[in-house]
Amino acid sequence: MTQFTKLEASSRAKAGKGAARATRRAGQVPAVIYGAKQEPTLIALDPRLVVREMHKGGWRSRVYDVTVDGVSSPALMREVQLHPVTDNPVHVDFQRLAAGERVHVDVRIIFTGEDKSPGIKRGGVLNIVRHSVEVSVDPANIPSSFTVDLSQLDIHDNVRWDDLQGTADVTPLLQIPNFVIATVAAPSVDDTPAPAEAAAPAKAAPAKGAAKK
């Protein structure tokens, strides 16, 4: 079941670069909610809310309950444009969700149990092939993340799509059957030959004419 995160926003009347600059001067971030066969809704947000959500991680698959003038819209935060110098958000795009209309979402993968993996304990190296997976899913069932349990993995073992937890009613967009998520590789062996031991220096020959004792 999809979990909603509430975001309060205010409406703004005008579109265009000039109106967007005026919104920023007022200390807000201009944004738009589009999709679900409705007219785009122009809104303004507190930039601190946007930064907070980005710092949480996984915001691309988080469903927001965006409330504007008392009207709520379930939406995905599709794109956040950042200032090239300050990295402050300067514009946000939301996609409005419609019941029963599947959407494409990039869902992050959380890895657990690394400290218990017998392969890693024996010096194996965890190779994470995918940190997230893009999927098609009904808006009512968008997962916040997938979980991978590494606690049973030995050297040369791997985790595949079918091993992930929380993939019910979710279809991966990658057209590779049961693709690899992570592997535990054997520890690398240093095959550089060891330097040969230096030969003992030869004894110097006695100098000519040296007196015999």
N, C-alpha and C. Protein backbone atom coordinates (compact mmCIF):
# COMPACT_ATOMS: atom_id res chain seq x y z
N MET A 1 0.84 -1.19 0.00
CA MET A 1 0.00 0.00 0.00
C MET A 1 0.88 1.25 0.00
N THR A 2 0.54 2.18 -0.89
CA THR A 2 1.32 3.40 -1.01
C THR A 2 1.18 4.27 0.24
N GLN A 3 2.31 4.79 0.71
CA GLN A 3 2.32 5.73 1.84
C GLN A 3 2.43 7.15 1.29
N PHE A 4 1.62 8.05 1.82
CA PHE A 4 1.59 9.43 1.34
C PHE A 4 2.36 10.35 2.29
N THR A 5 3.09 11.29 1.68
CA THR A 5 3.78 12.34 2.44
C THR A 5 3.10 13.67 2.12
N LYS A 6 2.66 14.36 3.13
CA LYS A 6 1.91 15.60 2.91
C LYS A 6 2.85 16.77 2.60
N LEU A 7 2.45 17.57 1.62
CA LEU A 7 3.16 18.80 1.27
C LEU A 7 2.14 19.93 1.13
N GLU A 8 2.36 21.00 1.85
CA GLU A 8 1.49 22.17 1.73
C GLU A 8 2.07 23.12 0.68
N ALA A 9 1.22 23.60 -0.20
CA ALA A 9 1.65 24.53 -1.24
C ALA A 9 0.60 25.62 -1.40
N SER A 10 0.99 26.68 -2.09
CA SER A 10 0.05 27.76 -2.41
C SER A 10 -0.05 27.90 -3.92
N SER A 11 -1.18 28.37 -4.40
CA SER A 11 -1.36 28.53 -5.84
C SER A 11 -0.69 29.81 -6.31
N ARG A 12 -0.31 29.83 -7.57
CA ARG A 12 0.21 31.05 -8.19
C ARG A 12 -0.50 31.21 -9.53
N ALA A 13 -0.77 32.44 -9.88
CA ALA A 13 -1.67 32.71 -11.00
C ALA A 13 -0.97 32.71 -12.35
N LYS A 14 0.29 33.15 -12.38
CA LYS A 14 0.94 33.39 -13.67
C LYS A 14 2.06 32.40 -13.93
N ALA A 15 2.20 32.06 -15.22
CA ALA A 15 3.32 31.23 -15.67
C ALA A 15 4.36 32.13 -16.33
N GLY A 16 5.50 31.53 -16.70
CA GLY A 16 6.54 32.29 -17.37
C GLY A 16 7.72 32.58 -16.47
N LYS A 17 8.84 32.97 -17.11
CA LYS A 17 10.08 33.20 -16.38
C LYS A 17 9.97 34.36 -15.40
N GLY A 18 9.30 35.43 -15.82
CA GLY A 18 9.17 36.59 -14.93
C GLY A 18 8.39 36.25 -13.67
N ALA A 19 7.30 35.51 -13.83
CA ALA A 19 6.49 35.12 -12.67
C ALA A 19 7.27 34.16 -11.77
N ALA A 20 8.06 33.27 -12.39
CA ALA A 20 8.86 32.33 -11.59
C ALA A 20 9.91 33.08 -10.78
N ARG A 21 10.55 34.08 -11.40
CA ARG A 21 11.55 34.87 -10.67
C ARG A 21 10.91 35.61 -9.50
N ALA A 22 9.71 36.13 -9.72
CA ALA A 22 9.00 36.84 -8.65
C ALA A 22 8.68 35.89 -7.49
N THR A 23 8.35 34.65 -7.82
CA THR A 23 8.07 33.65 -6.78
C THR A 23 9.32 33.38 -5.96
N ARG A 24 10.46 33.28 -6.64
CA ARG A 24 11.72 33.02 -5.92
C ARG A 24 12.10 34.21 -5.05
N ARG A 25 11.88 35.43 -5.55
CA ARG A 25 12.19 36.62 -4.75
C ARG A 25 11.34 36.66 -3.48
N ALA A 26 10.17 36.05 -3.55
CA ALA A 26 9.28 36.00 -2.38
C ALA A 26 9.65 34.86 -1.43
N GLY A 27 10.76 34.15 -1.75
CA GLY A 27 11.23 33.09 -0.87
C GLY A 27 10.57 31.74 -1.09
N GLN A 28 9.90 31.57 -2.25
CA GLN A 28 9.23 30.32 -2.57
C GLN A 28 9.87 29.67 -3.80
N VAL A 29 9.56 28.39 -4.00
CA VAL A 29 10.02 27.68 -5.19
C VAL A 29 8.83 27.50 -6.13
N PRO A 30 8.92 27.97 -7.37
CA PRO A 30 7.83 27.73 -8.32
C PRO A 30 7.77 26.26 -8.70
N ALA A 31 6.56 25.75 -8.87
CA ALA A 31 6.38 24.34 -9.22
C ALA A 31 5.11 24.19 -10.04
N VAL A 32 4.95 23.00 -10.63
CA VAL A 32 3.76 22.72 -11.43
C VAL A 32 3.34 21.28 -11.18
N ILE A 33 2.03 21.05 -11.15
CA ILE A 33 1.47 19.70 -11.09
C ILE A 33 0.78 19.43 -12.42
N TYR A 34 1.22 18.39 -13.13
CA TYR A 34 0.65 18.08 -14.45
C TYR A 34 0.19 16.62 -14.47
N GLY A 35 -0.56 16.26 -15.51
CA GLY A 35 -0.94 14.86 -15.72
C GLY A 35 -2.37 14.55 -15.34
N ALA A 36 -2.73 13.25 -15.49
CA ALA A 36 -4.07 12.72 -15.20
C ALA A 36 -5.14 13.42 -16.03
N LYS A 37 -4.75 13.88 -17.24
CA LYS A 37 -5.68 14.50 -18.18
C LYS A 37 -6.37 15.73 -17.59
N GLN A 38 -5.63 16.45 -16.74
CA GLN A 38 -6.14 17.69 -16.16
C GLN A 38 -5.23 18.85 -16.55
N GLU A 39 -5.75 20.05 -16.42
CA GLU A 39 -4.94 21.23 -16.70
C GLU A 39 -3.82 21.34 -15.66
N PRO A 40 -2.63 21.78 -16.08
CA PRO A 40 -1.53 21.96 -15.12
C PRO A 40 -1.91 22.96 -14.02
N THR A 41 -1.46 22.67 -12.82
CA THR A 41 -1.71 23.56 -11.67
C THR A 41 -0.41 24.22 -11.27
N LEU A 42 -0.36 25.54 -11.30
CA LEU A 42 0.83 26.28 -10.91
C LEU A 42 0.82 26.49 -9.40
N ILE A 43 1.92 26.13 -8.75
CA ILE A 43 1.97 26.23 -7.29
C ILE A 43 3.32 26.81 -6.86
N ALA A 44 3.42 27.14 -5.58
CA ALA A 44 4.67 27.61 -4.97
C ALA A 44 4.87 26.84 -3.67
N LEU A 45 6.14 26.49 -3.39
CA LEU A 45 6.48 25.68 -2.22
C LEU A 45 7.53 26.37 -1.37
N ASP A 46 7.55 26.01 -0.10
CA ASP A 46 8.65 26.40 0.78
C ASP A 46 9.88 25.60 0.36
N PRO A 47 10.99 26.25 -0.01
CA PRO A 47 12.16 25.50 -0.47
C PRO A 47 12.72 24.54 0.57
N ARG A 48 12.49 24.84 1.85
CA ARG A 48 12.99 23.95 2.90
C ARG A 48 12.31 22.59 2.85
N LEU A 49 11.04 22.57 2.44
CA LEU A 49 10.33 21.30 2.30
C LEU A 49 10.94 20.45 1.19
N VAL A 50 11.29 21.10 0.09
CA VAL A 50 11.88 20.37 -1.04
C VAL A 50 13.24 19.80 -0.65
N VAL A 51 14.07 20.62 -0.01
CA VAL A 51 15.39 20.16 0.41
C VAL A 51 15.26 19.01 1.41
N ARG A 52 14.32 19.11 2.32
CA ARG A 52 14.10 18.05 3.31
C ARG A 52 13.79 16.72 2.63
N GLU A 53 12.92 16.76 1.63
CA GLU A 53 12.54 15.52 0.95
C GLU A 53 13.69 14.95 0.15
N MET A 54 14.49 15.80 -0.47
CA MET A 54 15.63 15.31 -1.25
C MET A 54 16.67 14.66 -0.35
N HIS A 55 16.87 15.20 0.83
CA HIS A 55 17.85 14.65 1.76
C HIS A 55 17.41 13.32 2.34
N LYS A 56 16.13 13.03 2.33
CA LYS A 56 15.64 11.74 2.83
C LYS A 56 16.09 10.59 1.94
N GLY A 57 16.26 10.83 0.66
CA GLY A 57 16.54 9.75 -0.27
C GLY A 57 15.25 9.05 -0.67
N GLY A 58 15.26 8.48 -1.89
CA GLY A 58 14.09 7.76 -2.37
C GLY A 58 12.91 8.64 -2.74
N TRP A 59 13.16 9.94 -2.94
CA TRP A 59 12.05 10.86 -3.20
C TRP A 59 11.40 10.62 -4.56
N ARG A 60 12.11 9.99 -5.48
CA ARG A 60 11.54 9.77 -6.82
C ARG A 60 10.40 8.75 -6.80
N SER A 61 10.35 7.89 -5.80
CA SER A 61 9.25 6.92 -5.71
C SER A 61 8.30 7.23 -4.56
N ARG A 62 8.48 8.36 -3.91
CA ARG A 62 7.60 8.73 -2.80
C ARG A 62 6.37 9.47 -3.35
N VAL A 63 5.20 9.07 -2.88
CA VAL A 63 3.96 9.71 -3.33
C VAL A 63 3.61 10.84 -2.36
N TYR A 64 3.39 12.02 -2.92
CA TYR A 64 3.09 13.21 -2.12
C TYR A 64 1.61 13.57 -2.22
N ASP A 65 1.07 13.92 -1.09
CA ASP A 65 -0.29 14.46 -1.04
C ASP A 65 -0.13 15.98 -1.03
N VAL A 66 -0.14 16.57 -2.23
CA VAL A 66 0.10 18.01 -2.36
C VAL A 66 -1.22 18.76 -2.17
N THR A 67 -1.27 19.57 -1.13
CA THR A 67 -2.50 20.31 -0.81
C THR A 67 -2.35 21.77 -1.22
N VAL A 68 -3.25 22.22 -2.10
CA VAL A 68 -3.25 23.59 -2.60
C VAL A 68 -4.63 24.19 -2.36
N ASP A 69 -4.69 25.20 -1.52
CA ASP A 69 -5.96 25.87 -1.21
C ASP A 69 -7.03 24.87 -0.78
N GLY A 70 -6.62 23.91 0.04
CA GLY A 70 -7.56 22.93 0.58
C GLY A 70 -7.85 21.75 -0.32
N VAL A 71 -7.31 21.73 -1.54
CA VAL A 71 -7.54 20.63 -2.48
C VAL A 71 -6.27 19.78 -2.56
N SER A 72 -6.41 18.47 -2.35
CA SER A 72 -5.25 17.57 -2.33
C SER A 72 -5.14 16.81 -3.65
N SER A 73 -3.89 16.62 -4.09
CA SER A 73 -3.62 15.84 -5.29
C SER A 73 -2.48 14.87 -5.00
N PRO A 74 -2.68 13.56 -5.22
CA PRO A 74 -1.57 12.62 -5.10
C PRO A 74 -0.64 12.80 -6.29
N ALA A 75 0.65 12.92 -6.03
CA ALA A 75 1.59 13.22 -7.11
C ALA A 75 2.98 12.69 -6.79
N LEU A 76 3.75 12.47 -7.85
CA LEU A 76 5.16 12.12 -7.74
C LEU A 76 6.00 13.35 -8.03
N MET A 77 7.08 13.53 -7.29
CA MET A 77 8.02 14.61 -7.56
C MET A 77 8.96 14.11 -8.66
N ARG A 78 8.70 14.54 -9.89
CA ARG A 78 9.42 14.00 -11.04
C ARG A 78 10.78 14.65 -11.26
N GLU A 79 10.87 15.95 -11.09
CA GLU A 79 12.14 16.63 -11.38
C GLU A 79 12.30 17.83 -10.46
N VAL A 80 13.52 17.98 -9.97
CA VAL A 80 13.88 19.15 -9.18
C VAL A 80 15.05 19.84 -9.87
N GLN A 81 14.84 21.06 -10.34
CA GLN A 81 15.92 21.83 -10.95
C GLN A 81 16.66 22.59 -9.85
N LEU A 82 18.00 22.50 -9.88
CA LEU A 82 18.82 23.13 -8.86
C LEU A 82 19.62 24.28 -9.45
N HIS A 83 19.89 25.28 -8.63
CA HIS A 83 20.73 26.40 -9.04
C HIS A 83 22.15 25.88 -9.27
N PRO A 84 22.81 26.27 -10.37
CA PRO A 84 24.13 25.72 -10.69
C PRO A 84 25.22 26.07 -9.70
N VAL A 85 25.03 27.11 -8.91
CA VAL A 85 26.06 27.53 -7.95
C VAL A 85 25.67 27.15 -6.52
N THR A 86 24.46 27.48 -6.12
CA THR A 86 24.05 27.27 -4.72
C THR A 86 23.44 25.90 -4.45
N ASP A 87 23.02 25.21 -5.51
CA ASP A 87 22.32 23.92 -5.38
C ASP A 87 20.96 24.05 -4.70
N ASN A 88 20.46 25.26 -4.57
CA ASN A 88 19.11 25.45 -4.04
C ASN A 88 18.08 25.09 -5.12
N PRO A 89 16.93 24.52 -4.72
CA PRO A 89 15.91 24.20 -5.73
C PRO A 89 15.33 25.47 -6.34
N VAL A 90 15.18 25.46 -7.67
CA VAL A 90 14.64 26.64 -8.36
C VAL A 90 13.32 26.31 -9.08
N HIS A 91 13.02 25.03 -9.27
CA HIS A 91 11.74 24.65 -9.88
C HIS A 91 11.50 23.16 -9.63
N VAL A 92 10.22 22.81 -9.45
CA VAL A 92 9.85 21.41 -9.19
C VAL A 92 8.70 21.02 -10.10
N ASP A 93 8.81 19.82 -10.70
CA ASP A 93 7.74 19.25 -11.50
C ASP A 93 7.11 18.08 -10.75
N PHE A 94 5.80 18.11 -10.59
CA PHE A 94 5.04 17.00 -10.00
C PHE A 94 4.18 16.36 -11.08
N GLN A 95 4.07 15.03 -11.04
CA GLN A 95 3.14 14.32 -11.91
C GLN A 95 1.93 13.88 -11.10
N ARG A 96 0.77 14.38 -11.48
CA ARG A 96 -0.47 14.00 -10.79
C ARG A 96 -0.80 12.54 -11.11
N LEU A 97 -1.24 11.78 -10.11
CA LEU A 97 -1.54 10.37 -10.28
C LEU A 97 -3.04 10.15 -10.43
N ALA A 98 -3.38 9.19 -11.31
CA ALA A 98 -4.78 8.82 -11.52
C ALA A 98 -4.96 7.36 -11.13
N ALA A 99 -6.01 7.05 -10.41
CA ALA A 99 -6.26 5.69 -9.96
C ALA A 99 -6.34 4.74 -11.15
N GLY A 100 -5.60 3.62 -11.04
CA GLY A 100 -5.63 2.60 -12.09
C GLY A 100 -4.72 2.87 -13.27
N GLU A 101 -4.09 4.03 -13.32
CA GLU A 101 -3.19 4.37 -14.43
C GLU A 101 -1.76 4.13 -13.99
N ARG A 102 -1.15 3.05 -14.50
CA ARG A 102 0.19 2.66 -14.06
C ARG A 102 1.21 3.74 -14.42
N VAL A 103 2.21 3.87 -13.57
CA VAL A 103 3.25 4.87 -13.77
C VAL A 103 4.61 4.20 -13.71
N HIS A 104 5.60 4.86 -14.28
CA HIS A 104 6.98 4.39 -14.22
C HIS A 104 7.68 5.11 -13.07
N VAL A 105 8.30 4.32 -12.20
CA VAL A 105 8.93 4.88 -11.00
C VAL A 105 10.28 4.22 -10.80
N ASP A 106 11.27 5.01 -10.41
CA ASP A 106 12.60 4.49 -10.08
C ASP A 106 12.64 4.23 -8.58
N VAL A 107 12.71 2.94 -8.19
CA VAL A 107 12.64 2.55 -6.78
C VAL A 107 14.02 2.16 -6.29
N ARG A 108 14.46 2.75 -5.19
CA ARG A 108 15.78 2.45 -4.64
C ARG A 108 15.80 1.07 -3.99
N ILE A 109 16.99 0.49 -3.88
CA ILE A 109 17.20 -0.82 -3.26
C ILE A 109 18.00 -0.63 -1.98
N ILE A 110 17.50 -1.20 -0.88
CA ILE A 110 18.19 -1.12 0.41
C ILE A 110 18.80 -2.48 0.71
N PHE A 111 20.09 -2.50 1.03
CA PHE A 111 20.82 -3.74 1.29
C PHE A 111 21.00 -3.91 2.80
N THR A 112 20.65 -5.10 3.31
CA THR A 112 20.80 -5.39 4.73
C THR A 112 21.58 -6.69 4.91
N GLY A 113 22.08 -6.91 6.13
CA GLY A 113 22.74 -8.16 6.47
C GLY A 113 24.14 -8.33 5.94
N GLU A 114 24.76 -7.24 5.48
CA GLU A 114 26.11 -7.36 4.93
C GLU A 114 27.09 -7.88 5.97
N ASP A 115 26.92 -7.47 7.22
CA ASP A 115 27.85 -7.88 8.27
C ASP A 115 27.70 -9.36 8.65
N LYS A 116 26.63 -10.01 8.18
CA LYS A 116 26.41 -11.42 8.50
C LYS A 116 26.71 -12.35 7.32
N SER A 117 27.01 -11.80 6.17
CA SER A 117 27.27 -12.62 4.98
C SER A 117 28.51 -13.47 5.17
N PRO A 118 28.41 -14.81 5.05
CA PRO A 118 29.60 -15.65 5.20
C PRO A 118 30.65 -15.37 4.14
N GLY A 119 30.20 -15.04 2.93
CA GLY A 119 31.15 -14.74 1.87
C GLY A 119 31.95 -13.49 2.13
N ILE A 120 31.28 -12.45 2.62
CA ILE A 120 31.98 -11.20 2.93
C ILE A 120 32.90 -11.38 4.13
N LYS A 121 32.46 -12.19 5.10
CA LYS A 121 33.31 -12.46 6.26
C LYS A 121 34.61 -13.16 5.85
N ARG A 122 34.55 -13.95 4.77
CA ARG A 122 35.75 -14.67 4.31
C ARG A 122 36.56 -13.87 3.31
N GLY A 123 36.27 -12.58 3.22
CA GLY A 123 37.06 -11.71 2.36
C GLY A 123 36.45 -11.43 1.02
N GLY A 124 35.24 -11.96 0.76
CA GLY A 124 34.58 -11.68 -0.51
C GLY A 124 34.23 -10.21 -0.65
N VAL A 125 34.04 -9.79 -1.89
CA VAL A 125 33.78 -8.37 -2.19
C VAL A 125 32.35 -8.23 -2.70
N LEU A 126 31.57 -7.37 -2.04
CA LEU A 126 30.20 -7.11 -2.47
C LEU A 126 30.21 -6.20 -3.69
N ASN A 127 29.62 -6.67 -4.78
CA ASN A 127 29.53 -5.90 -6.01
C ASN A 127 28.06 -5.57 -6.26
N ILE A 128 27.68 -4.32 -6.03
CA ILE A 128 26.29 -3.90 -6.24
C ILE A 128 26.13 -3.48 -7.69
N VAL A 129 25.33 -4.24 -8.43
CA VAL A 129 25.12 -3.98 -9.85
C VAL A 129 24.08 -2.88 -10.05
N ARG A 130 23.03 -2.89 -9.20
CA ARG A 130 21.96 -1.91 -9.34
C ARG A 130 21.58 -1.35 -7.97
N HIS A 131 21.60 -0.02 -7.85
CA HIS A 131 21.17 0.64 -6.62
C HIS A 131 19.69 0.97 -6.66
N SER A 132 19.08 0.89 -7.83
CA SER A 132 17.65 1.15 -7.98
C SER A 132 17.15 0.41 -9.21
N VAL A 133 15.83 0.28 -9.32
CA VAL A 133 15.21 -0.39 -10.47
C VAL A 133 14.01 0.43 -10.91
N GLU A 134 13.91 0.69 -12.21
CA GLU A 134 12.74 1.39 -12.75
C GLU A 134 11.64 0.37 -13.01
N VAL A 135 10.45 0.65 -12.52
CA VAL A 135 9.35 -0.31 -12.61
C VAL A 135 8.07 0.37 -13.08
N SER A 136 7.14 -0.46 -13.52
CA SER A 136 5.78 -0.02 -13.81
C SER A 136 4.88 -0.54 -12.70
N VAL A 137 4.03 0.35 -12.15
CA VAL A 137 3.24 -0.03 -10.99
C VAL A 137 1.99 0.83 -10.90
N ASP A 138 0.95 0.27 -10.30
CA ASP A 138 -0.26 1.04 -10.03
C ASP A 138 0.04 2.06 -8.93
N PRO A 139 -0.48 3.28 -9.04
CA PRO A 139 -0.20 4.29 -8.01
C PRO A 139 -0.57 3.87 -6.60
N ALA A 140 -1.52 2.95 -6.47
CA ALA A 140 -1.93 2.52 -5.13
C ALA A 140 -0.93 1.58 -4.49
N ASN A 141 0.04 1.08 -5.29
CA ASN A 141 0.97 0.07 -4.76
C ASN A 141 2.43 0.45 -4.98
N ILE A 142 2.73 1.73 -5.06
CA ILE A 142 4.12 2.14 -5.29
C ILE A 142 4.95 1.85 -4.05
N PRO A 143 5.99 1.02 -4.18
CA PRO A 143 6.84 0.73 -3.01
C PRO A 143 7.81 1.87 -2.75
N SER A 144 8.08 2.15 -1.49
CA SER A 144 9.06 3.19 -1.17
C SER A 144 10.48 2.70 -1.44
N SER A 145 10.68 1.37 -1.36
CA SER A 145 11.99 0.78 -1.62
C SER A 145 11.84 -0.72 -1.75
N PHE A 146 12.88 -1.37 -2.28
CA PHE A 146 13.00 -2.82 -2.25
C PHE A 146 14.10 -3.17 -1.25
N THR A 147 13.99 -4.35 -0.63
CA THR A 147 14.98 -4.76 0.36
C THR A 147 15.69 -6.03 -0.10
N VAL A 148 17.01 -6.04 0.04
CA VAL A 148 17.84 -7.20 -0.28
C VAL A 148 18.51 -7.68 1.00
N ASP A 149 18.33 -8.96 1.32
CA ASP A 149 18.97 -9.56 2.49
C ASP A 149 20.24 -10.28 2.04
N LEU A 150 21.39 -9.79 2.49
CA LEU A 150 22.68 -10.35 2.09
C LEU A 150 23.22 -11.37 3.10
N SER A 151 22.49 -11.64 4.16
CA SER A 151 23.04 -12.39 5.29
C SER A 151 23.40 -13.84 4.96
N GLN A 152 22.83 -14.41 3.88
CA GLN A 152 23.11 -15.81 3.54
C GLN A 152 24.06 -15.96 2.36
N LEU A 153 24.54 -14.86 1.82
CA LEU A 153 25.34 -14.94 0.60
C LEU A 153 26.77 -15.38 0.89
N ASP A 154 27.22 -16.38 0.12
CA ASP A 154 28.60 -16.83 0.18
C ASP A 154 29.33 -16.32 -1.06
N ILE A 155 30.60 -16.61 -1.15
CA ILE A 155 31.38 -16.20 -2.32
C ILE A 155 30.80 -16.85 -3.57
N HIS A 156 30.66 -16.08 -4.64
CA HIS A 156 30.10 -16.46 -5.94
C HIS A 156 28.57 -16.52 -5.93
N ASP A 157 27.92 -16.23 -4.80
CA ASP A 157 26.46 -16.14 -4.78
C ASP A 157 26.02 -14.79 -5.33
N ASN A 158 24.75 -14.72 -5.76
CA ASN A 158 24.22 -13.45 -6.24
C ASN A 158 22.77 -13.27 -5.81
N VAL A 159 22.30 -12.05 -5.94
CA VAL A 159 20.90 -11.71 -5.68
C VAL A 159 20.30 -11.24 -7.00
N ARG A 160 19.11 -11.77 -7.32
CA ARG A 160 18.44 -11.42 -8.56
C ARG A 160 17.09 -10.77 -8.27
N TRP A 161 16.45 -10.29 -9.33
CA TRP A 161 15.17 -9.61 -9.19
C TRP A 161 14.16 -10.44 -8.40
N ASP A 162 14.09 -11.73 -8.68
CA ASP A 162 13.11 -12.58 -8.00
C ASP A 162 13.40 -12.72 -6.51
N ASP A 163 14.60 -12.35 -6.07
CA ASP A 163 14.95 -12.44 -4.65
C ASP A 163 14.55 -11.20 -3.85
N LEU A 164 14.17 -10.13 -4.54
CA LEU A 164 13.84 -8.89 -3.85
C LEU A 164 12.55 -9.03 -3.06
N GLN A 165 12.48 -8.32 -1.95
CA GLN A 165 11.27 -8.28 -1.14
C GLN A 165 10.46 -7.03 -1.49
N GLY A 166 9.15 -7.20 -1.63
CA GLY A 166 8.28 -6.06 -1.91
C GLY A 166 8.01 -5.82 -3.37
N THR A 167 8.12 -6.87 -4.21
CA THR A 167 7.93 -6.68 -5.66
C THR A 167 6.56 -7.13 -6.15
N ALA A 168 5.63 -7.44 -5.25
CA ALA A 168 4.29 -7.87 -5.67
C ALA A 168 3.62 -6.76 -6.47
N ASP A 169 2.97 -7.14 -7.59
CA ASP A 169 2.24 -6.20 -8.45
C ASP A 169 3.14 -5.15 -9.09
N VAL A 170 4.43 -5.45 -9.18
CA VAL A 170 5.40 -4.52 -9.76
C VAL A 170 6.08 -5.19 -10.95
N THR A 171 6.21 -4.47 -12.07
CA THR A 171 6.83 -5.02 -13.27
C THR A 171 8.09 -4.23 -13.60
N PRO A 172 9.26 -4.88 -13.62
CA PRO A 172 10.48 -4.14 -13.98
C PRO A 172 10.47 -3.78 -15.46
N LEU A 173 11.02 -2.63 -15.79
CA LEU A 173 11.08 -2.19 -17.19
C LEU A 173 12.27 -2.77 -17.92
N LEU A 174 13.28 -3.23 -17.18
CA LEU A 174 14.45 -3.82 -17.80
C LEU A 174 14.07 -5.15 -18.44
N GLN A 175 14.33 -5.29 -19.73
CA GLN A 175 13.91 -6.48 -20.47
C GLN A 175 14.96 -7.60 -20.40
N ILE A 176 15.36 -7.94 -19.19
CA ILE A 176 16.29 -9.05 -18.96
C ILE A 176 15.66 -9.93 -17.89
N PRO A 177 15.38 -11.21 -18.19
CA PRO A 177 14.71 -12.07 -17.20
C PRO A 177 15.54 -12.23 -15.93
N ASN A 178 14.92 -11.99 -14.80
CA ASN A 178 15.52 -12.23 -13.49
C ASN A 178 16.96 -11.69 -13.41
N PHE A 179 17.13 -10.42 -13.70
CA PHE A 179 18.45 -9.81 -13.78
C PHE A 179 19.13 -9.73 -12.42
N VAL A 180 20.46 -9.58 -12.46
CA VAL A 180 21.28 -9.58 -11.25
C VAL A 180 21.21 -8.21 -10.57
N ILE A 181 21.10 -8.24 -9.24
CA ILE A 181 21.11 -7.03 -8.43
C ILE A 181 22.47 -6.83 -7.76
N ALA A 182 23.02 -7.91 -7.20
CA ALA A 182 24.31 -7.82 -6.51
C ALA A 182 24.97 -9.20 -6.48
N THR A 183 26.28 -9.22 -6.36
CA THR A 183 27.04 -10.47 -6.27
C THR A 183 28.09 -10.33 -5.17
N VAL A 184 28.56 -11.49 -4.69
CA VAL A 184 29.71 -11.52 -3.79
C VAL A 184 30.85 -12.19 -4.54
N ALA A 185 31.84 -11.41 -4.92
CA ALA A 185 32.96 -11.90 -5.71
C ALA A 185 34.06 -12.43 -4.79
N ALA A 186 34.87 -13.34 -5.34
CA ALA A 186 35.99 -13.88 -4.59
C ALA A 186 37.00 -12.77 -4.33
N PRO A 187 37.72 -12.86 -3.21
CA PRO A 187 38.74 -11.84 -2.94
C PRO A 187 39.82 -11.87 -4.00
N SER A 188 40.31 -10.70 -4.35
CA SER A 188 41.36 -10.63 -5.37
C SER A 188 42.65 -11.19 -4.80
N VAL A 189 43.41 -11.87 -5.68
CA VAL A 189 44.69 -12.47 -5.28
C VAL A 189 45.80 -11.68 -5.94
N ASP A 190 46.76 -11.28 -5.15
CA ASP A 190 47.91 -10.54 -5.67
C ASP A 190 48.88 -11.54 -6.29
N ASP A 191 48.87 -11.63 -7.66
CA ASP A 191 49.74 -12.60 -8.33
C ASP A 191 51.05 -11.98 -8.80
N THR A 192 51.39 -10.82 -8.28
CA THR A 192 52.67 -10.22 -8.61
C THR A 192 53.78 -11.03 -7.96
N PRO A 193 54.77 -11.51 -8.74
CA PRO A 193 55.82 -12.33 -8.14
C PRO A 193 56.62 -11.55 -7.10
N ALA A 194 56.95 -12.26 -6.02
CA ALA A 194 57.72 -11.62 -4.96
C ALA A 194 59.13 -11.36 -5.45
N PRO A 195 59.73 -10.27 -5.05
CA PRO A 195 61.10 -9.98 -5.49
C PRO A 195 62.07 -11.05 -4.98
N ALA A 196 62.98 -11.46 -5.88
CA ALA A 196 63.96 -12.49 -5.49
C ALA A 196 64.92 -11.93 -4.45
N GLU A 197 65.36 -12.83 -3.57
CA GLU A 197 66.30 -12.40 -2.54
C GLU A 197 67.63 -12.05 -3.20
N ALA A 198 68.21 -10.99 -2.77
CA ALA A 198 69.51 -10.56 -3.33
C ALA A 198 70.59 -11.56 -2.96
N ALA A 199 71.45 -11.89 -3.95
CA ALA A 199 72.54 -12.83 -3.69
C ALA A 199 73.55 -12.21 -2.73
N ALA A 200 74.13 -13.08 -1.93
CA ALA A 200 75.14 -12.59 -0.98
C ALA A 200 76.33 -12.06 -1.74
N PRO A 201 76.87 -10.93 -1.36
CA PRO A 201 78.02 -10.36 -2.09
C PRO A 201 79.23 -11.28 -2.00
N ALA A 202 79.96 -11.41 -3.14
CA ALA A 202 81.16 -12.26 -3.16
C ALA A 202 82.27 -11.61 -2.35
N LYS A 203 83.10 -12.48 -1.77
CA LYS A 203 84.23 -11.96 -1.00
C LYS A 203 85.23 -11.32 -1.93
N ALA A 204 85.74 -10.19 -1.53
CA ALA A 204 86.71 -9.49 -2.37
C ALA A 204 88.02 -10.26 -2.41
N ALA A 205 88.64 -10.32 -3.61
CA ALA A 205 89.95 -10.99 -3.74
C ALA A 205 91.01 -10.15 -3.07
N PRO A 206 91.98 -10.78 -2.48
CA PRO A 206 93.06 -10.02 -1.84
C PRO A 206 93.83 -9.20 -2.86
N ALA A 207 94.23 -8.04 -2.48
CA ALA A 207 94.98 -7.16 -3.39
C ALA A 207 96.34 -7.77 -3.70
N LYS A 208 96.82 -7.54 -4.93
CA LYS A 208 98.14 -8.03 -5.35
C LYS A 208 99.21 -7.40 -4.48
N GLY A 209 100.11 -8.24 -4.14
CA GLY A 209 101.22 -7.74 -3.36
C GLY A 209 100.94 -7.65 -1.89
N ALA A 210 99.75 -8.13 -1.49
CA ALA A 210 99.45 -8.07 -0.06
C ALA A 210 100.36 -9.00 0.68
N ALA A 211 100.89 -8.60 1.78
CA ALA A 211 101.85 -9.41 2.54
C ALA A 211 101.15 -10.58 3.16
N LYS A 212 101.84 -11.74 3.10
CA LYS A 212 101.30 -12.93 3.74
C LYS A 212 101.70 -12.92 5.18
N LYS A 213 100.74 -13.34 6.03
CA LYS A 213 101.04 -13.40 7.45
C LYS A 213 101.69 -14.72 7.76
